[in-house]
Amino acid sequence: MTEFTVWAPEAARVRLRLSGAADHDLRPGPDGWWRVEVPGVGPGTDYAYLLDDDERALPDPRSPWQPAGVHGPSRRYDHDAFGWTDQGWTGRQLPGSVLYELHVGTFSPEGTFDGAIARLDHLVDLGVDLIELLPVNAFNGEHNWGYDGVCWYAPHQPYGGPDGLKRFVDAAHAKGLGVILDVVYNHFGPSGAYAPMFAPYLTEQNNTWGRTVNLDGPHSDGVRRFIVDSVLMWLRDYHVDGLRLDAVHAMPDSRATHLLEEIAGEVESLATHLGRPLSLIAESDLNDPRLITPREAGGYGLHAQWNDDAHHALHTLLTGERQGYYGDFGSLECLTDVLTGAFFHAGTWSSFRNRSHGRPVDRQRTPGHRFVAYLQNHDQIGNRATGDRISATLSAGLLRVGATLLMTAPFTPMLFMGEEWAATTPWQFFTSHPEPELATAVATGRKREFAAHGWPPGDVPDPQDPQTFARSRLDWAELDKPEHREMYDFHRRLIALRKSRADLSDPRLHRVEVRHGDQFLLMRRGECLVVANLAGKPQRINLPGVVRSVLLATSEGVTVMRDGIELPAESAAIVAL
C-alpha cells in the first residue's frame, strides 16, 4: 500500500487522481492532513489532487518531481533508489572556504546539471571549496534566474530533475567540492503557485515580489513545517552541504521563536545525525548581527550572511559609481570600516534609506568568516540595466586589485561564475513565461523600472527575448585567449596563496589593521601585508616593517625598498614582513 497525504486544513473534500483510475477520496484528520492508502502504486506514478468540488487537478504542494512542468501532475519519487557514491564524504565547513556562485542554465552550453558536472575540474583547478547554486526548484518555463520557483521540493526538470541534481552533488563530492543551494521561502513565483489553494500559505501583506508567507498567523504552524521540511529535505535527501536563504528580511515573523532560529536548531540536529557540517547562509539587508550570533548567545544561529556593504565599498571605490544605494560608499575610509568591522552601516546614517541603519558587529567575538563577501554576484550584475560585469568597465589592473582585497579580507570570499577569467559575457535578467500577459507585464515592468533611473527603454534587454538568455551563457572559449587565461591564472595563484598562509584567512576582525592615504591602502594580516595602489600612476608607499619577500604581485615592476615599496599604477602586492 502507498499512502498519499496532503495538508489542506480548510478544505471540505480532497480527492486523489491517478492516471487511468477512478478518483480516491482522502480522509481528513484533526491536524488538517488528509490521507489515503492506495494499493499497487509505486515510484514513477503521476498523481494530482482535487479540492472541494473543483475539477481542476492540482500538483502536490510537496511534489518531489514535476516532469511535465509546474502546471502538470506530480510524480512519485523514491529518494532511496539513487546510487550515491559519496559515503566517505565528510563535508566542507564554511570557515576557510572559497565560494563560487553559478547558475545551472547559463554555466555550461547544455544548461543542465550534467553540463555543469563536465566543468567541475575547472573549479577544482581554480581552488574553490563550495559551489553555490542559484535556485533550482521548479519554476514555470524553461529558463529563469530561479527566484520565481513555485515547487519548493522539486528540482527543475529542464535542468535534469531530481536525479540530475543528485548526480551533480555526487560528482562534486567525488572531486572534493561541497554544494550550497540557494532557496527562496519569502514568496511564490507568479505562475504555477498552487500551494496557496490548499492552505493559507500567504498573508494579505506584500513584499517586493508578491504576498508574504504566513509565518505567524492562523495555521502558520503548518506553513513553517512546510518550509522546515523543505530545508531538511535538500540537506538530507540531496546531500547538499548548506543553504543560502534568500532575502530573509522579507519574511516577517512576530513569534517568540523566529523561523530562522527554528531552522537553525533543526539543521544543527540533522548535522549531528549525519556527522558532517551543514551551513546556513542568509541574504539580509538589515545589517543585524543577531542573524549570525549563536543561539546560545541569544541570536538566530545562522552560520553566515551575505555582506552587501563589502561589495558596495569595493565596487564604488573601484568604479567610481555613486548612484542609488551606492551613495554613501566609495571612500577609502568606508572600505577601512568594512575591512575592520564588516558593516559600514552599523547604526549609522544611510542617505539611501533616509534613516540610521544597522548595528555594530562585536569585532572581538564575531569572526569574519560569518560574512560572505564578493566583488560580483548574480544580483549586483543581473540587476544592472544591461547586466554588465565590472570587467566591462574596469582595467585588468583594477580587477586584480579588487580580487586581491577580496581574497585577503577576513571574510568568506565568493566569486560569480566567469569572474575568474574576466568573462565578457553579460549576465542579464531573463525569463521564459509561457503566458503572454505575464511575459508582457515582466518586460514592461523591467523597462519602466530602469526608465525611472534614466535608461532609454531601448537599452534595456527584453527578459523574454531568447537572445537575452543566450547572451548570458558563459563563453568557455574565452579561456583560450591569453588575456583571459592570465586573469584565470592570477585568481588561481591568489586563492592558493590565501590557503597557504593562515594569516590571510584569519577571521578575527579585531586583528585586522588598515591604513590608507592618497589612493592607496595597506591592510595588515598578521605577518602579511596587503598593499594596494588605486592611482593611475606609480606610487611609493611607506611600510610598517621590513619586507622579507613578495608573495604575490598583480603586475610586474614592483620595487621593494628598505622602508617601503613602489607599486605600478593600479596594482597590488602581498608581502611577508
Protein backbone atom coordinates (compact mmCIF):
# COMPACT_ATOMS: atom_id res chain seq x y z
CA MET A 1 0.00 0.00 0.00
CA THR A 2 1.16 3.53 -0.81
CA GLU A 3 -0.01 6.41 1.36
CA PHE A 4 -0.82 9.81 -0.13
CA THR A 5 -1.00 12.77 2.25
CA VAL A 6 -1.67 16.46 1.76
CA TRP A 7 -2.19 19.38 4.15
CA ALA A 8 -5.42 21.25 3.41
CA PRO A 9 -6.81 22.46 6.76
CA GLU A 10 -9.71 24.47 5.34
CA ALA A 11 -10.88 22.08 2.60
CA ALA A 12 -14.23 20.26 2.86
CA ARG A 13 -13.20 17.48 0.49
CA VAL A 14 -9.95 16.27 -1.10
CA ARG A 15 -9.64 13.69 -3.88
CA LEU A 16 -6.61 11.94 -5.36
CA ARG A 17 -6.45 11.49 -9.12
CA LEU A 18 -4.22 8.82 -10.64
CA SER A 19 -3.90 8.48 -14.40
CA GLY A 20 -6.24 5.83 -15.78
CA ALA A 21 -8.02 5.18 -12.48
CA ALA A 22 -11.03 6.39 -10.55
CA ASP A 23 -10.55 9.20 -8.06
CA HIS A 24 -9.90 8.32 -4.42
CA ASP A 25 -11.37 10.32 -1.54
CA LEU A 26 -8.89 11.21 1.20
CA ARG A 27 -9.80 11.02 4.89
CA PRO A 28 -9.45 14.21 6.96
CA GLY A 29 -7.52 14.29 10.21
CA PRO A 30 -7.78 16.72 13.13
CA ASP A 31 -4.43 18.24 12.17
CA GLY A 32 -5.56 19.38 8.73
CA TRP A 33 -3.81 16.50 6.97
CA TRP A 34 -5.76 14.32 4.52
CA ARG A 35 -4.72 10.72 3.89
CA VAL A 36 -5.49 7.73 1.72
CA GLU A 37 -3.76 4.41 1.04
CA VAL A 38 -3.78 3.03 -2.49
CA PRO A 39 -2.52 -0.43 -3.48
CA GLY A 40 -0.18 -1.05 -6.39
CA VAL A 41 1.17 2.47 -6.76
CA GLY A 42 4.95 2.88 -6.90
CA PRO A 43 7.62 5.41 -7.87
CA GLY A 44 7.05 6.97 -11.27
CA THR A 45 3.28 7.21 -10.83
CA ASP A 46 1.71 10.54 -11.76
CA TYR A 47 -0.89 11.98 -9.39
CA ALA A 48 -2.78 15.15 -8.55
CA TYR A 49 -5.31 16.44 -6.03
CA LEU A 50 -8.77 17.95 -6.41
CA LEU A 51 -10.10 20.33 -3.73
CA ASP A 52 -13.74 20.54 -2.70
CA ASP A 53 -15.94 20.35 -5.81
CA ASP A 54 -13.38 21.93 -8.13
CA GLU A 55 -12.47 19.61 -11.00
CA ARG A 56 -9.05 21.14 -11.55
CA ALA A 57 -6.29 18.59 -10.95
CA LEU A 58 -3.59 20.33 -8.88
CA PRO A 59 0.02 19.26 -8.25
CA ASP A 60 1.04 18.29 -4.73
CA PRO A 61 2.43 21.28 -2.75
CA ARG A 62 5.18 18.90 -1.58
CA SER A 63 5.67 17.36 -5.01
CA PRO A 64 9.15 15.83 -5.35
CA TRP A 65 9.06 15.79 -9.15
CA GLN A 66 7.27 17.82 -11.83
CA PRO A 67 8.36 16.19 -15.11
CA ALA A 68 5.60 17.91 -17.13
CA GLY A 69 6.22 21.34 -15.63
CA VAL A 70 4.71 23.20 -12.71
CA HIS A 71 1.17 23.03 -14.14
CA GLY A 72 1.30 19.28 -14.72
CA PRO A 73 0.73 16.36 -12.37
CA SER A 74 3.19 15.41 -9.66
CA ARG A 75 5.17 12.19 -9.86
CA ARG A 76 6.11 9.80 -7.07
CA TYR A 77 9.85 9.62 -6.46
CA ASP A 78 11.92 7.21 -4.39
CA HIS A 79 14.83 9.02 -2.76
CA ASP A 80 16.37 5.73 -1.67
CA ALA A 81 16.74 4.44 -5.24
CA PHE A 82 19.63 6.71 -6.26
CA GLY A 83 23.06 5.08 -6.19
CA TRP A 84 25.13 7.52 -4.17
CA THR A 85 28.92 7.08 -4.19
CA ASP A 86 29.76 9.77 -1.60
CA GLN A 87 29.59 7.58 1.50
CA GLY A 88 33.07 8.80 2.52
CA TRP A 89 32.13 12.48 2.21
CA THR A 90 32.71 14.32 5.49
CA GLY A 91 31.56 17.73 4.30
CA ARG A 92 33.07 21.18 3.87
CA GLN A 93 32.86 23.75 6.63
CA LEU A 94 32.24 27.36 5.69
CA PRO A 95 35.19 28.88 7.64
CA GLY A 96 38.24 28.96 5.40
CA SER A 97 36.30 28.14 2.24
CA VAL A 98 36.10 29.99 -1.08
CA LEU A 99 32.62 30.01 -2.65
CA TYR A 100 31.69 30.02 -6.32
CA GLU A 101 28.19 31.09 -7.35
CA LEU A 102 26.79 29.63 -10.55
CA HIS A 103 23.52 29.44 -12.45
CA VAL A 104 22.93 25.98 -13.88
CA GLY A 105 21.17 27.22 -17.01
CA THR A 106 23.97 29.54 -18.15
CA PHE A 107 27.09 27.94 -16.67
CA SER A 108 27.52 25.39 -19.47
CA PRO A 109 26.41 25.18 -23.10
CA GLU A 110 23.98 22.40 -22.13
CA GLY A 111 22.42 24.40 -19.29
CA THR A 112 21.89 21.26 -17.19
CA PHE A 113 23.25 19.58 -14.08
CA ASP A 114 25.16 17.15 -16.29
CA GLY A 115 26.61 20.03 -18.29
CA ALA A 116 27.84 21.58 -15.05
CA ILE A 117 29.39 18.27 -13.99
CA ALA A 118 31.61 18.41 -17.06
CA ARG A 119 33.10 21.70 -15.79
CA LEU A 120 33.86 20.63 -12.21
CA ASP A 121 37.56 20.07 -12.93
CA HIS A 122 37.81 23.77 -13.77
CA LEU A 123 36.57 24.63 -10.29
CA VAL A 124 38.91 22.14 -8.65
CA ASP A 125 41.86 23.65 -10.52
CA LEU A 126 40.73 27.15 -9.55
CA GLY A 127 40.80 26.15 -5.88
CA VAL A 128 37.23 26.82 -4.72
CA ASP A 129 35.68 24.73 -1.95
CA LEU A 130 31.93 25.26 -2.14
CA ILE A 131 29.69 25.72 -5.18
CA GLU A 132 26.66 27.90 -4.54
CA LEU A 133 23.87 27.05 -7.00
CA LEU A 134 21.24 29.64 -7.80
CA PRO A 135 17.76 28.25 -7.06
CA VAL A 136 16.97 25.01 -8.89
CA ASN A 137 13.47 24.27 -7.62
CA ALA A 138 10.77 24.07 -10.28
CA PHE A 139 9.52 27.28 -11.92
CA ASN A 140 7.29 27.94 -14.91
CA GLY A 141 9.01 27.99 -18.29
CA GLU A 142 12.34 26.65 -19.46
CA HIS A 143 14.82 29.23 -18.16
CA ASN A 144 14.74 31.78 -15.38
CA TRP A 145 17.03 33.02 -12.62
CA GLY A 146 15.21 30.60 -10.33
CA TYR A 147 13.67 33.08 -7.92
CA ASP A 148 10.19 32.52 -9.40
CA GLY A 149 10.05 28.98 -8.03
CA VAL A 150 6.68 27.55 -7.02
CA CYS A 151 7.50 23.93 -6.12
CA TRP A 152 9.74 24.06 -3.05
CA TYR A 153 10.51 20.33 -3.06
CA ALA A 154 11.08 19.57 -6.77
CA PRO A 155 14.26 20.24 -8.79
CA HIS A 156 13.60 21.89 -12.16
CA GLN A 157 13.03 19.26 -14.84
CA PRO A 158 14.83 21.04 -17.75
CA TYR A 159 17.98 21.06 -15.58
CA GLY A 160 17.75 17.30 -15.07
CA GLY A 161 15.15 16.84 -12.35
CA PRO A 162 15.78 15.05 -9.05
CA ASP A 163 18.29 12.53 -10.37
CA GLY A 164 20.19 15.26 -12.22
CA LEU A 165 20.70 17.28 -9.04
CA LYS A 166 21.82 14.17 -7.18
CA ARG A 167 24.31 13.32 -9.95
CA PHE A 168 25.72 16.84 -9.68
CA VAL A 169 26.11 16.75 -5.90
CA ASP A 170 27.57 13.25 -6.01
CA ALA A 171 30.09 14.25 -8.71
CA ALA A 172 31.03 17.43 -6.82
CA HIS A 173 31.68 15.46 -3.64
CA ALA A 174 33.83 12.99 -5.58
CA LYS A 175 36.08 15.91 -6.53
CA GLY A 176 36.18 17.38 -3.02
CA LEU A 177 33.69 20.17 -3.71
CA GLY A 178 30.77 20.98 -1.42
CA VAL A 179 27.43 22.29 -2.69
CA ILE A 180 25.38 25.16 -1.28
CA LEU A 181 21.85 25.53 -2.63
CA ASP A 182 20.05 28.88 -2.89
CA VAL A 183 16.46 28.53 -1.68
CA VAL A 184 13.58 31.01 -1.73
CA TYR A 185 11.00 30.88 1.06
CA ASN A 186 9.86 34.52 1.07
CA HIS A 187 7.35 34.33 -1.82
CA PHE A 188 5.95 32.11 -4.55
CA GLY A 189 6.53 32.82 -8.22
CA PRO A 190 3.78 34.41 -10.34
CA SER A 191 2.79 31.29 -12.31
CA GLY A 192 2.07 27.77 -11.09
CA ALA A 193 1.82 28.58 -7.39
CA TYR A 194 -0.92 26.13 -6.43
CA ALA A 195 0.14 25.58 -2.81
CA PRO A 196 -1.84 28.61 -1.53
CA MET A 197 -5.02 26.96 -2.89
CA PHE A 198 -4.52 24.14 -0.35
CA ALA A 199 -3.82 26.17 2.77
CA PRO A 200 -3.17 29.75 4.00
CA TYR A 201 0.48 29.81 2.99
CA LEU A 202 0.28 33.57 2.28
CA THR A 203 -0.84 36.69 4.11
CA GLU A 204 -2.57 39.76 2.72
CA GLN A 205 0.67 41.72 3.13
CA ASN A 206 3.15 42.18 0.29
CA ASN A 207 6.89 42.33 -0.14
CA THR A 208 8.86 43.29 -3.25
CA TRP A 209 7.93 40.09 -5.10
CA GLY A 210 4.34 39.39 -4.04
CA ARG A 211 2.34 38.34 -1.00
CA THR A 212 4.40 37.47 2.08
CA VAL A 213 4.49 33.98 3.53
CA ASN A 214 2.32 33.30 6.59
CA LEU A 215 4.84 32.68 9.37
CA ASP A 216 2.86 33.93 12.35
CA GLY A 217 -0.86 33.96 11.53
CA PRO A 218 -3.58 31.29 11.81
CA HIS A 219 -2.37 27.89 10.54
CA SER A 220 1.21 29.19 10.43
CA ASP A 221 2.42 26.06 12.27
CA GLY A 222 1.79 24.08 9.10
CA VAL A 223 3.36 26.72 6.89
CA ARG A 224 6.51 26.80 8.98
CA ARG A 225 6.68 22.99 8.91
CA PHE A 226 6.35 23.15 5.13
CA ILE A 227 9.48 25.32 4.99
CA VAL A 228 11.48 23.44 7.62
CA ASP A 229 10.78 20.10 5.95
CA SER A 230 11.93 21.50 2.62
CA VAL A 231 15.15 22.71 4.24
CA LEU A 232 15.82 19.30 5.75
CA MET A 233 14.98 17.51 2.50
CA TRP A 234 17.61 19.35 0.44
CA LEU A 235 20.26 18.68 3.07
CA ARG A 236 19.32 15.08 3.81
CA ASP A 237 17.93 13.62 0.57
CA TYR A 238 20.09 15.58 -1.89
CA HIS A 239 23.24 15.54 0.28
CA VAL A 240 23.82 19.29 -0.19
CA ASP A 241 26.18 20.90 2.30
CA GLY A 242 24.28 24.07 3.05
CA LEU A 243 21.59 26.51 2.00
CA ARG A 244 21.60 30.17 1.12
CA LEU A 245 18.29 31.61 2.38
CA ASP A 246 17.08 34.30 0.01
CA ALA A 247 16.01 37.73 1.34
CA VAL A 248 15.16 36.75 4.90
CA HIS A 249 14.33 40.40 5.63
CA ALA A 250 11.20 39.80 3.52
CA MET A 251 9.98 37.08 5.91
CA PRO A 252 8.24 38.94 8.77
CA ASP A 253 7.76 36.77 11.84
CA SER A 254 6.45 38.09 15.15
CA ARG A 255 6.52 34.78 17.01
CA ALA A 256 8.74 34.32 20.06
CA THR A 257 10.93 31.84 18.20
CA HIS A 258 11.77 33.28 14.80
CA LEU A 259 11.58 30.84 11.88
CA LEU A 260 15.30 31.33 11.22
CA GLU A 261 16.13 30.21 14.75
CA GLU A 262 13.81 27.24 14.36
CA ILE A 263 15.54 26.26 11.11
CA ALA A 264 18.98 26.63 12.68
CA GLY A 265 18.02 24.29 15.51
CA GLU A 266 16.62 21.65 13.16
CA VAL A 267 19.67 21.83 10.88
CA GLU A 268 22.05 21.51 13.83
CA SER A 269 20.22 18.34 14.85
CA LEU A 270 20.45 16.95 11.31
CA ALA A 271 24.16 17.80 11.03
CA THR A 272 24.77 15.97 14.32
CA HIS A 273 22.98 12.93 12.97
CA LEU A 274 24.75 12.98 9.58
CA GLY A 275 28.17 13.66 11.07
CA ARG A 276 29.07 16.45 8.68
CA PRO A 277 28.85 20.27 8.80
CA LEU A 278 25.74 21.88 7.32
CA SER A 279 25.82 25.63 6.67
CA LEU A 280 23.02 28.19 6.64
CA ILE A 281 23.77 31.49 4.89
CA ALA A 282 21.26 34.32 4.98
CA GLU A 283 20.73 37.10 2.49
CA SER A 284 19.64 40.09 4.54
CA ASP A 285 19.81 43.86 4.09
CA LEU A 286 19.18 44.54 7.79
CA ASN A 287 22.85 44.64 8.88
CA ASP A 288 21.76 42.87 12.05
CA PRO A 289 24.45 40.66 13.65
CA ARG A 290 21.70 38.81 15.53
CA LEU A 291 21.23 36.61 12.45
CA ILE A 292 24.72 35.14 12.77
CA THR A 293 25.01 35.24 16.55
CA PRO A 294 24.88 31.73 18.05
CA ARG A 295 21.61 30.67 19.61
CA GLU A 296 23.44 30.16 22.91
CA ALA A 297 24.14 33.89 22.89
CA GLY A 298 20.59 34.91 22.02
CA GLY A 299 20.96 35.03 18.24
CA TYR A 300 19.30 33.09 15.44
CA GLY A 301 22.29 30.79 14.99
CA LEU A 302 22.84 31.07 11.23
CA HIS A 303 26.39 30.42 10.09
CA ALA A 304 26.88 33.40 7.77
CA GLN A 305 25.20 36.14 5.82
CA TRP A 306 25.89 37.87 2.54
CA ASN A 307 27.57 41.23 3.16
CA ASP A 308 26.47 43.80 0.60
CA ASP A 309 28.40 46.52 2.44
CA ALA A 310 31.65 44.77 1.48
CA HIS A 311 30.54 44.66 -2.15
CA HIS A 312 29.42 48.29 -2.18
CA ALA A 313 32.63 49.51 -0.55
CA LEU A 314 34.81 47.72 -3.12
CA HIS A 315 32.60 48.37 -6.14
CA THR A 316 32.25 52.10 -5.62
CA LEU A 317 35.94 52.58 -4.85
CA LEU A 318 36.98 50.73 -7.99
CA THR A 319 34.33 52.04 -10.40
CA GLY A 320 33.52 55.50 -9.07
CA GLU A 321 29.78 54.78 -9.27
CA ARG A 322 27.70 56.59 -6.64
CA GLN A 323 24.08 56.34 -7.78
CA GLY A 324 21.23 54.90 -5.69
CA TYR A 325 22.29 52.83 -2.70
CA TYR A 326 25.96 53.38 -3.59
CA GLY A 327 25.68 57.00 -2.44
CA ASP A 328 27.27 56.58 1.00
CA PHE A 329 30.11 54.38 -0.23
CA GLY A 330 33.23 54.96 -2.30
CA SER A 331 35.90 56.26 0.04
CA LEU A 332 38.95 54.56 1.48
CA GLU A 333 37.58 55.40 4.93
CA CYS A 334 34.45 53.42 4.06
CA LEU A 335 36.46 50.42 2.91
CA THR A 336 38.55 50.62 6.07
CA ASP A 337 35.41 50.46 8.22
CA VAL A 338 34.21 47.40 6.31
CA LEU A 339 37.53 45.54 6.41
CA THR A 340 37.80 46.01 10.17
CA GLY A 341 34.14 45.87 11.21
CA ALA A 342 32.23 44.03 8.43
CA PHE A 343 29.36 46.55 8.22
CA PHE A 344 29.64 50.14 7.04
CA HIS A 345 26.08 50.98 8.09
CA ALA A 346 26.31 49.92 11.74
CA GLY A 347 23.79 52.14 13.48
CA THR A 348 24.91 54.98 11.21
CA TRP A 349 23.09 57.26 8.78
CA SER A 350 22.02 55.83 5.42
CA SER A 351 21.19 58.54 2.91
CA PHE A 352 19.53 55.99 0.59
CA ARG A 353 17.10 54.98 3.35
CA ASN A 354 16.97 58.46 4.87
CA ARG A 355 17.44 56.99 8.35
CA SER A 356 20.05 55.31 10.51
CA HIS A 357 20.64 51.67 9.66
CA GLY A 358 22.26 48.55 11.06
CA ARG A 359 24.01 47.59 14.27
CA PRO A 360 27.74 47.30 15.04
CA VAL A 361 29.43 43.92 14.90
CA ASP A 362 31.29 42.77 18.01
CA ARG A 363 34.78 42.59 16.49
CA GLN A 364 36.16 40.62 19.43
CA ARG A 365 33.58 37.84 19.34
CA THR A 366 32.17 37.69 15.80
CA PRO A 367 34.51 36.02 13.28
CA GLY A 368 34.78 37.49 9.82
CA HIS A 369 34.08 34.17 8.14
CA ARG A 370 30.41 34.69 9.03
CA PHE A 371 30.27 37.35 6.32
CA VAL A 372 30.24 36.27 2.68
CA ALA A 373 31.93 38.98 0.59
CA TYR A 374 32.10 39.40 -3.18
CA LEU A 375 33.07 41.76 -5.96
CA GLN A 376 30.25 40.43 -8.11
CA ASN A 377 27.19 38.22 -7.71
CA HIS A 378 24.01 37.47 -9.63
CA ASP A 379 22.17 40.46 -8.14
CA GLN A 380 24.92 43.04 -8.50
CA ILE A 381 25.40 42.11 -12.17
CA GLY A 382 21.97 40.96 -13.29
CA ASN A 383 20.06 43.83 -11.69
CA ARG A 384 22.02 46.38 -13.66
CA ALA A 385 20.07 47.56 -16.70
CA THR A 386 22.26 45.73 -19.22
CA GLY A 387 23.66 43.03 -16.93
CA ASP A 388 27.22 44.23 -17.44
CA ARG A 389 30.05 42.84 -15.32
CA ILE A 390 32.67 45.14 -13.80
CA SER A 391 35.16 43.68 -16.30
CA ALA A 392 33.28 45.64 -18.97
CA THR A 393 34.48 48.93 -17.49
CA LEU A 394 37.45 48.30 -15.20
CA SER A 395 41.02 47.85 -16.30
CA ALA A 396 42.69 44.48 -15.80
CA GLY A 397 44.85 46.14 -13.17
CA LEU A 398 41.92 47.30 -11.04
CA LEU A 399 40.19 43.94 -11.45
CA ARG A 400 43.26 42.29 -9.95
CA VAL A 401 43.42 44.86 -7.15
CA GLY A 402 39.77 44.17 -6.30
CA ALA A 403 40.32 40.42 -6.33
CA THR A 404 43.37 40.79 -4.08
CA LEU A 405 41.45 42.81 -1.50
CA LEU A 406 38.56 40.35 -1.62
CA MET A 407 40.70 37.25 -1.14
CA THR A 408 42.80 38.71 1.66
CA ALA A 409 39.96 40.25 3.67
CA PRO A 410 38.86 38.45 6.86
CA PHE A 411 35.60 37.31 5.23
CA THR A 412 34.42 34.24 3.30
CA PRO A 413 35.07 35.21 -0.34
CA MET A 414 32.77 34.32 -3.20
CA LEU A 415 33.26 34.53 -6.97
CA PHE A 416 30.48 34.71 -9.56
CA MET A 417 30.83 32.31 -12.47
CA GLY A 418 33.24 33.62 -15.11
CA GLU A 419 34.62 36.31 -12.84
CA GLU A 420 37.85 34.33 -12.52
CA TRP A 421 38.70 34.94 -16.17
CA ALA A 422 37.04 38.37 -16.56
CA ALA A 423 34.29 36.96 -18.75
CA THR A 424 32.96 39.41 -21.33
CA THR A 425 29.51 37.83 -21.47
CA PRO A 426 26.90 39.84 -19.56
CA TRP A 427 24.51 38.22 -17.11
CA GLN A 428 21.14 39.73 -17.81
CA PHE A 429 17.66 39.37 -16.36
CA PHE A 430 15.90 36.65 -18.36
CA THR A 431 12.57 34.85 -18.11
CA SER A 432 10.54 32.44 -20.26
CA HIS A 433 6.97 32.85 -19.05
CA PRO A 434 4.64 30.98 -21.44
CA GLU A 435 1.66 33.22 -20.56
CA PRO A 436 1.60 36.22 -22.97
CA GLU A 437 0.09 38.58 -20.39
CA LEU A 438 2.70 37.76 -17.75
CA ALA A 439 5.51 37.95 -20.31
CA THR A 440 4.40 41.41 -21.39
CA ALA A 441 3.98 42.61 -17.80
CA VAL A 442 7.50 41.46 -16.84
CA ALA A 443 9.13 43.06 -19.89
CA THR A 444 7.19 46.32 -19.47
CA GLY A 445 7.91 46.49 -15.76
CA ARG A 446 11.64 46.00 -16.32
CA LYS A 447 11.80 48.86 -18.84
CA ARG A 448 9.72 51.12 -16.60
CA GLU A 449 11.97 50.39 -13.62
CA PHE A 450 15.13 51.47 -15.41
CA ALA A 451 13.48 54.36 -17.24
CA ALA A 452 13.00 55.90 -13.80
CA HIS A 453 16.80 55.82 -13.46
CA GLY A 454 17.39 57.46 -16.84
CA TRP A 455 17.87 54.40 -19.07
CA PRO A 456 16.25 54.63 -22.54
CA PRO A 457 13.74 51.76 -22.90
CA GLY A 458 15.53 50.50 -25.99
CA ASP A 459 18.74 49.90 -23.99
CA VAL A 460 17.09 47.54 -21.51
CA PRO A 461 17.09 43.93 -22.78
CA ASP A 462 13.71 42.21 -23.07
CA PRO A 463 13.72 39.45 -20.41
CA GLN A 464 11.52 37.28 -22.64
CA ASP A 465 13.76 37.53 -25.70
CA PRO A 466 15.58 34.19 -26.08
CA GLN A 467 18.70 36.14 -27.04
CA THR A 468 18.77 37.74 -23.58
CA PHE A 469 19.19 34.27 -22.12
CA ALA A 470 21.66 33.22 -24.82
CA ARG A 471 23.86 36.29 -24.27
CA SER A 472 24.09 35.41 -20.57
CA ARG A 473 25.60 31.98 -21.16
CA LEU A 474 29.31 31.71 -20.36
CA ASP A 475 31.69 31.54 -23.33
CA TRP A 476 34.22 28.94 -22.25
CA ALA A 477 36.29 29.54 -25.39
CA GLU A 478 37.47 32.79 -23.79
CA LEU A 479 39.80 30.74 -21.61
CA ASP A 480 41.87 30.06 -24.74
CA LYS A 481 42.59 33.78 -25.13
CA PRO A 482 45.79 34.99 -23.42
CA GLU A 483 44.25 37.92 -21.51
CA HIS A 484 41.52 35.71 -20.04
CA ARG A 485 43.87 32.84 -19.27
CA GLU A 486 46.20 35.27 -17.48
CA MET A 487 43.33 36.53 -15.33
CA TYR A 488 42.30 32.96 -14.53
CA ASP A 489 45.85 32.00 -13.59
CA PHE A 490 46.06 35.06 -11.34
CA HIS A 491 42.90 34.06 -9.46
CA ARG A 492 44.20 30.52 -9.10
CA ARG A 493 47.51 31.74 -7.63
CA LEU A 494 45.70 34.21 -5.37
CA ILE A 495 43.39 31.52 -3.95
CA ALA A 496 46.34 29.16 -3.49
CA LEU A 497 48.24 31.86 -1.58
CA ARG A 498 45.22 32.55 0.65
CA LYS A 499 45.13 28.86 1.54
CA SER A 500 48.87 28.55 2.11
CA ARG A 501 49.08 31.45 4.59
CA ALA A 502 46.98 31.19 7.74
CA ASP A 503 47.23 34.95 8.25
CA LEU A 504 45.29 35.59 5.03
CA SER A 505 42.24 33.62 6.16
CA ASP A 506 42.38 34.63 9.82
CA PRO A 507 38.77 35.65 10.59
CA ARG A 508 39.50 37.72 13.71
CA LEU A 509 38.23 41.19 12.84
CA HIS A 510 39.99 42.88 15.75
CA ARG A 511 43.36 41.74 14.39
CA VAL A 512 42.88 43.45 11.02
CA GLU A 513 44.82 46.72 10.77
CA VAL A 514 44.20 49.12 7.90
CA ARG A 515 45.93 52.34 6.95
CA HIS A 516 45.22 54.42 3.88
CA GLY A 517 46.49 57.54 2.16
CA ASP A 518 46.24 59.24 -1.21
CA GLN A 519 44.68 56.48 -3.36
CA PHE A 520 46.49 53.69 -1.57
CA LEU A 521 45.64 51.24 1.19
CA LEU A 522 47.62 48.92 3.47
CA MET A 523 45.99 46.01 5.27
CA ARG A 524 47.99 44.15 7.92
CA ARG A 525 47.11 40.46 8.18
CA GLY A 526 49.43 39.04 10.82
CA GLU A 527 52.88 38.72 9.23
CA CYS A 528 51.42 39.51 5.81
CA LEU A 529 50.81 42.95 4.42
CA VAL A 530 48.47 43.76 1.53
CA VAL A 531 49.35 46.97 -0.30
CA ALA A 532 47.06 48.42 -2.99
CA ASN A 533 47.72 51.36 -5.29
CA LEU A 534 44.45 52.59 -6.81
CA ALA A 535 46.03 55.55 -8.58
CA GLY A 536 46.58 55.78 -12.29
CA LYS A 537 50.29 56.36 -11.69
CA PRO A 538 53.08 54.56 -9.76
CA GLN A 539 53.28 55.29 -6.05
CA ARG A 540 55.93 54.83 -3.40
CA ILE A 541 54.31 53.72 -0.15
CA ASN A 542 55.98 53.56 3.26
CA LEU A 543 55.56 50.27 5.09
CA PRO A 544 55.40 49.47 8.83
CA GLY A 545 58.22 46.95 8.65
CA VAL A 546 60.89 45.35 6.50
CA VAL A 547 59.72 43.21 3.59
CA ARG A 548 61.17 39.68 3.69
CA SER A 549 59.57 38.56 0.43
CA VAL A 550 56.93 39.46 -2.16
CA LEU A 551 54.36 36.68 -2.05
CA LEU A 552 52.26 37.87 -4.98
CA ALA A 553 52.07 40.95 -7.18
CA THR A 554 49.28 41.84 -9.56
CA SER A 555 51.70 43.24 -12.16
CA GLU A 556 55.37 43.43 -12.94
CA GLY A 557 57.52 46.33 -11.80
CA VAL A 558 57.10 46.13 -8.03
CA THR A 559 60.17 47.55 -6.30
CA VAL A 560 60.92 46.80 -2.65
CA MET A 561 62.97 49.29 -0.63
CA ARG A 562 64.29 49.28 2.93
CA ASP A 563 61.25 51.05 4.38
CA GLY A 564 58.74 50.97 1.60
CA ILE A 565 57.51 49.64 -1.71
CA GLU A 566 56.87 51.18 -5.11
CA LEU A 567 53.83 49.86 -6.94
CA PRO A 568 52.95 50.43 -10.59
CA ALA A 569 49.66 52.15 -11.40
CA GLU A 570 46.52 50.22 -10.47
CA SER A 571 48.32 47.35 -8.83
CA ALA A 572 48.65 45.50 -5.53
CA ALA A 573 51.13 43.27 -3.77
CA ILE A 574 51.03 40.84 -0.88
CA VAL A 575 54.29 40.78 1.06
CA ALA A 576 55.66 38.94 4.07
CA LEU A 577 57.16 41.03 6.86
